[in-house]
Amino acid sequence: MSLDSLLDPTGEREAAERPRLARPKSLDGLTVGVLDISKVRGDVFVEEVATLLEGRGIAVKRYRKPTVARTAPKEIEQAIVEEVDVVVEGLAD
């Protein structure tokens, strides 16, 4: 596995490799989603990221999983797909 691919961590019996999407050259004109996965203090991280992005004039949408123990509900996943161009997911311990 190279650094250009990611493994899907869901419960598949065999690992599915998926190529990384190309990063945008700039965030200008894009909408950035910030996803709090409900880990302790993850909200602090994503809020700081959102504030920094907004300070640069970048549009931000905030999302939060109801629990860290499960994947995001389909409604949240679908909203992210439809509403934003890129996502920052907050992981914290």
Protein backbone atom coordinates (compact mmCIF):
# COMPACT_ATOMS: atom_id res chain seq x y z
CA MET A 1 0.00 0.00 0.00
CA SER A 2 1.39 3.40 -0.94
CA LEU A 3 0.85 6.79 0.66
CA ASP A 4 -1.42 7.64 -2.28
CA SER A 5 -4.19 5.32 -1.13
CA LEU A 6 -6.31 4.87 1.97
CA LEU A 7 -7.90 1.82 3.50
CA ASP A 8 -11.61 1.90 4.23
CA PRO A 9 -11.99 1.16 7.98
CA THR A 10 -15.55 -0.15 7.77
CA GLY A 11 -16.47 -3.75 8.51
CA GLU A 12 -15.72 -5.26 5.13
CA ARG A 13 -14.26 -8.76 5.08
CA GLU A 14 -11.50 -7.73 2.71
CA ALA A 15 -9.72 -4.38 2.74
CA ALA A 16 -10.81 -2.10 -0.07
CA GLU A 17 -8.14 0.25 -1.34
CA ARG A 18 -9.33 3.55 -2.68
CA PRO A 19 -7.14 6.18 -4.30
CA ARG A 20 -6.89 9.55 -2.57
CA LEU A 21 -8.69 12.42 -4.21
CA ALA A 22 -6.52 15.28 -5.37
CA ARG A 23 -6.30 18.15 -2.88
CA PRO A 24 -7.64 21.48 -4.11
CA LYS A 25 -4.94 24.01 -4.95
CA SER A 26 -6.81 26.60 -2.88
CA LEU A 27 -9.82 26.79 -0.58
CA ASP A 28 -10.92 30.11 -2.12
CA GLY A 29 -14.50 29.83 -3.30
CA LEU A 30 -14.98 26.39 -1.70
CA THR A 31 -17.10 25.41 1.27
CA VAL A 32 -15.27 23.49 3.97
CA GLY A 33 -17.09 21.10 6.29
CA VAL A 34 -15.78 20.46 9.78
CA LEU A 35 -16.91 17.20 11.37
CA ASP A 36 -16.76 16.70 15.12
CA ILE A 37 -16.78 12.93 15.67
CA SER A 38 -17.79 13.37 19.34
CA LYS A 39 -14.45 12.43 20.86
CA VAL A 40 -13.50 14.33 23.98
CA ARG A 41 -12.27 17.84 23.07
CA GLY A 42 -12.69 17.16 19.36
CA ASP A 43 -15.22 19.98 19.31
CA VAL A 44 -12.49 22.36 20.52
CA PHE A 45 -10.25 21.36 17.61
CA VAL A 46 -12.88 21.61 14.85
CA GLU A 47 -14.20 24.91 16.21
CA GLU A 48 -10.68 26.38 16.15
CA VAL A 49 -10.21 25.16 12.58
CA ALA A 50 -13.60 26.62 11.59
CA THR A 51 -12.76 29.98 13.19
CA LEU A 52 -9.39 30.15 11.41
CA LEU A 53 -10.98 29.32 8.07
CA GLU A 54 -13.78 31.85 8.52
CA GLY A 55 -11.17 34.45 9.44
CA ARG A 56 -9.73 33.92 5.96
CA GLY A 57 -13.13 34.41 4.34
CA ILE A 58 -13.73 30.71 3.67
CA ALA A 59 -17.29 29.38 3.98
CA VAL A 60 -17.62 26.72 6.70
CA LYS A 61 -20.39 24.26 7.60
CA ARG A 62 -20.29 22.39 10.92
CA TYR A 63 -21.36 18.78 11.49
CA ARG A 64 -21.32 16.55 14.57
CA LYS A 65 -21.76 12.81 14.95
CA PRO A 66 -24.10 11.85 17.81
CA THR A 67 -21.57 9.33 19.18
CA VAL A 68 -17.95 8.38 18.64
CA ALA A 69 -18.90 4.70 18.91
CA ARG A 70 -20.59 4.52 15.48
CA THR A 71 -20.10 5.80 11.97
CA ALA A 72 -21.87 9.00 11.05
CA PRO A 73 -25.58 8.58 10.31
CA LYS A 74 -26.44 8.49 6.62
CA GLU A 75 -28.19 11.87 6.94
CA ILE A 76 -24.95 13.52 8.05
CA GLU A 77 -22.89 11.74 5.40
CA GLN A 78 -25.37 12.80 2.71
CA ALA A 79 -25.42 16.41 3.92
CA ILE A 80 -21.63 16.55 3.77
CA VAL A 81 -21.59 15.13 0.23
CA GLU A 82 -24.21 17.63 -0.95
CA GLU A 83 -23.17 20.76 0.96
CA VAL A 84 -19.36 20.99 1.05
CA ASP A 85 -16.34 20.64 -1.20
CA VAL A 86 -13.79 19.40 1.37
CA VAL A 87 -13.99 18.11 4.96
CA VAL A 88 -11.82 18.40 8.06
CA GLU A 89 -12.58 15.64 10.53
CA GLY A 90 -11.58 16.24 14.14
CA LEU A 91 -9.84 13.39 15.94
CA ALA A 92 -8.69 14.04 19.50
CA ASP A 93 -7.89 12.14 22.68
